[in-house]
Amino acid sequence: MTDQATAPASGETQASGKQIQFSPIRIFVKDISFEAPQGATAFQQQYQPKINQDLNTQVSKFDDKHYEVVLKLTITANTQQDKTLFLAEVHQAGIFAVSGVEGMQLRHLLTAGCPQILFPYAREAVDNLATRGGFPPLALPPINFDALFAQQMAKEKADAEASAEPN
């Protein structure tokens, strides 16, 4: 990785005339954990695990041009009887340089664009944890963060409209 910022689209500018610049500075694991509460007894069973996935994003501003984005991915594998086989959690983080972006465009970049970059790293870490824990590899599918962002915006709009309606 370099510290050099690049524009995502050639010549793309905002109305203010500023050049849009976006660059990942560093990608790192902030927290990681693995639990197999059944221990060795989990391997004595024939099972078709139910995989539950929980995803969360946290954004913190360092200074005027730098943000830390943390993608929290938790995977729980349960038996058909709802006994936990394993729980893997990864907080995959990145420091991103961002300038020339404001408002909703900045929010979209930080809550959809940055997690899109971080997710393959988190997915690999979770898969590695599962296999090192003695379980089969996980094949987590890609996530459409743009669609999740659109759903969140629609929910916020509906909530705002519902709270604005007189009772």
C-alpha atoms as a PDB file:
ATOM      1  CA  MET A   1       0.000   0.000   0.000  1.00  0.00           C
ATOM      2  CA  THR A   2       1.144   3.510  -0.623  1.00  0.00           C
ATOM      3  CA  ASP A   3       0.275   6.817   0.951  1.00  0.00           C
ATOM      4  CA  GLN A   4      -0.578   8.272  -2.440  1.00  0.00           C
ATOM      5  CA  ALA A   5      -4.252   9.132  -2.909  1.00  0.00           C
ATOM      6  CA  THR A   6      -5.946   8.386  -6.190  1.00  0.00           C
ATOM      7  CA  ALA A   7      -9.181   9.584  -7.722  1.00  0.00           C
ATOM      8  CA  PRO A   8     -11.743   6.808  -8.229  1.00  0.00           C
ATOM      9  CA  ALA A   9     -12.847   8.163 -11.592  1.00  0.00           C
ATOM     10  CA  SER A  10     -10.688  10.196 -13.943  1.00  0.00           C
ATOM     11  CA  GLY A  11     -11.486  13.873 -13.692  1.00  0.00           C
ATOM     12  CA  GLU A  12     -14.447  13.342 -11.350  1.00  0.00           C
ATOM     13  CA  THR A  13     -15.024  16.404  -9.209  1.00  0.00           C
ATOM     14  CA  GLN A  14     -17.694  17.707  -6.909  1.00  0.00           C
ATOM     15  CA  ALA A  15     -19.631  20.901  -7.492  1.00  0.00           C
ATOM     16  CA  SER A  16     -17.179  22.730  -5.217  1.00  0.00           C
ATOM     17  CA  GLY A  17     -14.400  21.959  -7.703  1.00  0.00           C
ATOM     18  CA  LYS A  18     -12.401  19.788  -5.298  1.00  0.00           C
ATOM     19  CA  GLN A  19     -10.787  16.660  -6.670  1.00  0.00           C
ATOM     20  CA  ILE A  20     -12.185  13.513  -5.042  1.00  0.00           C
ATOM     21  CA  GLN A  21      -9.387  11.499  -3.467  1.00  0.00           C
ATOM     22  CA  PHE A  22      -9.706   8.125  -1.759  1.00  0.00           C
ATOM     23  CA  SER A  23      -6.995   5.712  -0.735  1.00  0.00           C
ATOM     24  CA  PRO A  24      -6.663   2.859   1.742  1.00  0.00           C
ATOM     25  CA  ILE A  25      -3.606   3.646   3.888  1.00  0.00           C
ATOM     26  CA  ARG A  26      -3.475   0.489   6.013  1.00  0.00           C
ATOM     27  CA  ILE A  27      -5.607  -2.625   6.465  1.00  0.00           C
ATOM     28  CA  PHE A  28      -5.230  -4.585   9.692  1.00  0.00           C
ATOM     29  CA  VAL A  29      -6.938  -6.945  12.135  1.00  0.00           C
ATOM     30  CA  LYS A  30      -8.069  -4.984  15.184  1.00  0.00           C
ATOM     31  CA  ASP A  31      -9.565  -7.931  17.108  1.00  0.00           C
ATOM     32  CA  ILE A  32      -9.974 -11.632  16.390  1.00  0.00           C
ATOM     33  CA  SER A  33     -11.372 -14.558  18.370  1.00  0.00           C
ATOM     34  CA  PHE A  34     -12.425 -18.173  17.955  1.00  0.00           C
ATOM     35  CA  GLU A  35     -14.387 -20.376  20.338  1.00  0.00           C
ATOM     36  CA  ALA A  36     -15.311 -24.052  20.026  1.00  0.00           C
ATOM     37  CA  PRO A  37     -17.362 -24.577  23.214  1.00  0.00           C
ATOM     38  CA  GLN A  38     -17.978 -28.308  22.638  1.00  0.00           C
ATOM     39  CA  GLY A  39     -14.298 -29.064  22.237  1.00  0.00           C
ATOM     40  CA  ALA A  40     -13.462 -32.494  20.816  1.00  0.00           C
ATOM     41  CA  THR A  41     -17.044 -33.769  21.142  1.00  0.00           C
ATOM     42  CA  ALA A  42     -17.989 -31.545  18.189  1.00  0.00           C
ATOM     43  CA  PHE A  43     -15.912 -33.802  15.925  1.00  0.00           C
ATOM     44  CA  GLN A  44     -17.666 -36.999  17.050  1.00  0.00           C
ATOM     45  CA  GLN A  45     -20.977 -35.890  15.543  1.00  0.00           C
ATOM     46  CA  GLN A  46     -22.310 -35.971  12.028  1.00  0.00           C
ATOM     47  CA  TYR A  47     -23.778 -32.570  11.443  1.00  0.00           C
ATOM     48  CA  GLN A  48     -24.945 -30.159   8.813  1.00  0.00           C
ATOM     49  CA  PRO A  49     -24.193 -26.858  10.557  1.00  0.00           C
ATOM     50  CA  LYS A  50     -26.440 -23.825  10.390  1.00  0.00           C
ATOM     51  CA  ILE A  51     -24.243 -20.807   9.705  1.00  0.00           C
ATOM     52  CA  ASN A  52     -25.360 -17.460  11.115  1.00  0.00           C
ATOM     53  CA  GLN A  53     -23.606 -14.285  10.021  1.00  0.00           C
ATOM     54  CA  ASP A  54     -23.693 -10.920  11.793  1.00  0.00           C
ATOM     55  CA  LEU A  55     -22.164  -7.856  10.176  1.00  0.00           C
ATOM     56  CA  ASN A  56     -21.586  -4.396  11.597  1.00  0.00           C
ATOM     57  CA  THR A  57     -19.570  -1.344  10.581  1.00  0.00           C
ATOM     58  CA  GLN A  58     -18.059   1.330  12.805  1.00  0.00           C
ATOM     59  CA  VAL A  59     -16.544   4.582  11.477  1.00  0.00           C
ATOM     60  CA  SER A  60     -14.224   6.908  13.421  1.00  0.00           C
ATOM     61  CA  LYS A  61     -12.688  10.131  12.150  1.00  0.00           C
ATOM     62  CA  PHE A  62      -8.936  10.578  12.787  1.00  0.00           C
ATOM     63  CA  ASP A  63      -8.561  14.064  11.353  1.00  0.00           C
ATOM     64  CA  ASP A  64      -9.865  16.080   8.398  1.00  0.00           C
ATOM     65  CA  LYS A  65      -8.705  13.534   5.815  1.00  0.00           C
ATOM     66  CA  HIS A  66      -8.380  10.174   7.600  1.00  0.00           C
ATOM     67  CA  TYR A  67     -10.996   7.717   8.824  1.00  0.00           C
ATOM     68  CA  GLU A  68     -10.787   4.368  10.567  1.00  0.00           C
ATOM     69  CA  VAL A  69     -13.456   1.926   9.397  1.00  0.00           C
ATOM     70  CA  VAL A  70     -13.961  -1.332  11.312  1.00  0.00           C
ATOM     71  CA  LEU A  71     -15.947  -4.181   9.768  1.00  0.00           C
ATOM     72  CA  LYS A  72     -17.135  -6.543  12.503  1.00  0.00           C
ATOM     73  CA  LEU A  73     -17.922 -10.014  11.165  1.00  0.00           C
ATOM     74  CA  THR A  74     -19.253 -12.710  13.503  1.00  0.00           C
ATOM     75  CA  ILE A  75     -19.918 -16.240  12.271  1.00  0.00           C
ATOM     76  CA  THR A  76     -21.699 -18.788  14.448  1.00  0.00           C
ATOM     77  CA  ALA A  77     -21.996 -22.428  13.382  1.00  0.00           C
ATOM     78  CA  ASN A  78     -24.739 -24.350  15.195  1.00  0.00           C
ATOM     79  CA  THR A  79     -25.946 -27.943  15.079  1.00  0.00           C
ATOM     80  CA  GLN A  80     -29.547 -28.710  14.157  1.00  0.00           C
ATOM     81  CA  GLN A  81     -30.200 -28.852  17.925  1.00  0.00           C
ATOM     82  CA  ASP A  82     -28.847 -25.270  18.263  1.00  0.00           C
ATOM     83  CA  LYS A  83     -25.650 -26.280  20.035  1.00  0.00           C
ATOM     84  CA  THR A  84     -22.792 -23.983  19.078  1.00  0.00           C
ATOM     85  CA  LEU A  85     -20.017 -25.757  17.193  1.00  0.00           C
ATOM     86  CA  PHE A  86     -17.893 -22.640  16.844  1.00  0.00           C
ATOM     87  CA  LEU A  87     -18.009 -18.890  16.965  1.00  0.00           C
ATOM     88  CA  ALA A  88     -15.513 -16.804  14.995  1.00  0.00           C
ATOM     89  CA  GLU A  89     -15.307 -13.038  15.242  1.00  0.00           C
ATOM     90  CA  VAL A  90     -13.077 -10.676  13.288  1.00  0.00           C
ATOM     91  CA  HIS A  91     -12.828  -6.904  13.557  1.00  0.00           C
ATOM     92  CA  GLN A  92     -11.140  -6.067  10.245  1.00  0.00           C
ATOM     93  CA  ALA A  93     -10.044  -2.436  10.176  1.00  0.00           C
ATOM     94  CA  GLY A  94      -8.678   0.012   7.689  1.00  0.00           C
ATOM     95  CA  ILE A  95      -7.366   3.546   7.698  1.00  0.00           C
ATOM     96  CA  PHE A  96      -8.594   5.462   4.667  1.00  0.00           C
ATOM     97  CA  ALA A  97      -7.551   8.865   3.315  1.00  0.00           C
ATOM     98  CA  VAL A  98     -10.594  10.707   1.976  1.00  0.00           C
ATOM     99  CA  SER A  99     -10.882  14.250   0.647  1.00  0.00           C
ATOM    100  CA  GLY A 100     -13.163  16.161  -1.694  1.00  0.00           C
ATOM    101  CA  VAL A 101     -16.205  14.148  -0.572  1.00  0.00           C
ATOM    102  CA  GLU A 102     -18.998  15.388   1.685  1.00  0.00           C
ATOM    103  CA  GLY A 103     -22.478  14.606   2.936  1.00  0.00           C
ATOM    104  CA  MET A 104     -24.285  11.528   1.677  1.00  0.00           C
ATOM    105  CA  GLN A 105     -21.484  10.684  -0.759  1.00  0.00           C
ATOM    106  CA  LEU A 106     -19.003  10.549   2.151  1.00  0.00           C
ATOM    107  CA  ARG A 107     -21.395   8.440   4.219  1.00  0.00           C
ATOM    108  CA  HIS A 108     -21.820   6.001   1.317  1.00  0.00           C
ATOM    109  CA  LEU A 109     -18.056   5.764   0.793  1.00  0.00           C
ATOM    110  CA  LEU A 110     -17.365   5.080   4.484  1.00  0.00           C
ATOM    111  CA  THR A 111     -20.255   2.669   5.152  1.00  0.00           C
ATOM    112  CA  ALA A 112     -20.370   0.806   1.824  1.00  0.00           C
ATOM    113  CA  GLY A 113     -17.160   1.431  -0.143  1.00  0.00           C
ATOM    114  CA  CYS A 114     -14.684   0.875   2.689  1.00  0.00           C
ATOM    115  CA  PRO A 115     -16.431  -2.273   4.030  1.00  0.00           C
ATOM    116  CA  GLN A 116     -16.408  -3.639   0.451  1.00  0.00           C
ATOM    117  CA  ILE A 117     -12.605  -3.353   0.546  1.00  0.00           C
ATOM    118  CA  LEU A 118     -12.331  -4.863   4.049  1.00  0.00           C
ATOM    119  CA  PHE A 119     -14.722  -7.804   3.598  1.00  0.00           C
ATOM    120  CA  PRO A 120     -12.397 -10.133   1.616  1.00  0.00           C
ATOM    121  CA  TYR A 121      -9.792  -9.804   4.381  1.00  0.00           C
ATOM    122  CA  ALA A 122     -12.371 -10.540   7.093  1.00  0.00           C
ATOM    123  CA  ARG A 123     -13.783 -13.479   5.115  1.00  0.00           C
ATOM    124  CA  GLU A 124     -10.294 -14.973   4.738  1.00  0.00           C
ATOM    125  CA  ALA A 125      -9.567 -14.524   8.456  1.00  0.00           C
ATOM    126  CA  VAL A 126     -12.831 -16.241   9.479  1.00  0.00           C
ATOM    127  CA  ASP A 127     -12.182 -19.113   7.063  1.00  0.00           C
ATOM    128  CA  ASN A 128      -8.663 -19.487   8.450  1.00  0.00           C
ATOM    129  CA  LEU A 129      -9.991 -19.550  12.031  1.00  0.00           C
ATOM    130  CA  ALA A 130     -12.549 -22.247  11.180  1.00  0.00           C
ATOM    131  CA  THR A 131     -10.026 -24.524   9.454  1.00  0.00           C
ATOM    132  CA  ARG A 132      -7.422 -24.061  12.199  1.00  0.00           C
ATOM    133  CA  GLY A 133     -10.165 -24.971  14.656  1.00  0.00           C
ATOM    134  CA  GLY A 134     -10.577 -28.312  12.849  1.00  0.00           C
ATOM    135  CA  PHE A 135     -13.774 -27.447  10.960  1.00  0.00           C
ATOM    136  CA  PRO A 136     -14.383 -27.497   7.210  1.00  0.00           C
ATOM    137  CA  PRO A 137     -13.612 -24.324   5.263  1.00  0.00           C
ATOM    138  CA  LEU A 138     -16.360 -21.717   5.055  1.00  0.00           C
ATOM    139  CA  ALA A 139     -17.373 -20.376   1.689  1.00  0.00           C
ATOM    140  CA  LEU A 140     -18.934 -17.079   2.693  1.00  0.00           C
ATOM    141  CA  PRO A 141     -20.571 -15.404  -0.287  1.00  0.00           C
ATOM    142  CA  PRO A 142     -19.751 -11.824  -1.300  1.00  0.00           C
ATOM    143  CA  ILE A 143     -21.866  -9.075   0.249  1.00  0.00           C
ATOM    144  CA  ASN A 144     -23.448  -6.230  -1.710  1.00  0.00           C
ATOM    145  CA  PHE A 145     -22.682  -3.305   0.603  1.00  0.00           C
ATOM    146  CA  ASP A 146     -24.338  -0.856  -1.805  1.00  0.00           C
ATOM    147  CA  ALA A 147     -27.621  -2.757  -1.411  1.00  0.00           C
ATOM    148  CA  LEU A 148     -27.227  -2.776   2.394  1.00  0.00           C
ATOM    149  CA  PHE A 149     -26.625   0.985   2.294  1.00  0.00           C
ATOM    150  CA  ALA A 150     -29.752   1.500   0.157  1.00  0.00           C
ATOM    151  CA  GLN A 151     -31.794  -0.620   2.605  1.00  0.00           C
ATOM    152  CA  GLN A 152     -30.497   1.441   5.530  1.00  0.00           C
ATOM    153  CA  MET A 153     -31.379   4.704   3.754  1.00  0.00           C
ATOM    154  CA  ALA A 154     -34.889   3.415   2.960  1.00  0.00           C
ATOM    155  CA  LYS A 155     -35.356   2.344   6.600  1.00  0.00           C
ATOM    156  CA  GLU A 156     -34.204   5.733   7.897  1.00  0.00           C
ATOM    157  CA  LYS A 157     -36.545   7.508   5.465  1.00  0.00           C
ATOM    158  CA  ALA A 158     -39.498   5.319   6.507  1.00  0.00           C
ATOM    159  CA  ASP A 159     -38.695   5.852  10.200  1.00  0.00           C
ATOM    160  CA  ALA A 160     -38.500   9.625   9.677  1.00  0.00           C
ATOM    161  CA  GLU A 161     -41.823   9.645   7.822  1.00  0.00           C
ATOM    162  CA  ALA A 162     -43.471   7.500  10.498  1.00  0.00           C
ATOM    163  CA  SER A 163     -42.273   9.773  13.302  1.00  0.00           C
ATOM    164  CA  ALA A 164     -43.414  12.875  11.373  1.00  0.00           C
ATOM    165  CA  GLU A 165     -46.989  11.572  10.967  1.00  0.00           C
ATOM    166  CA  PRO A 166     -49.454  12.867  13.565  1.00  0.00           C
ATOM    167  CA  ASN A 167     -50.958  10.223  15.825  1.00  0.00           C
END
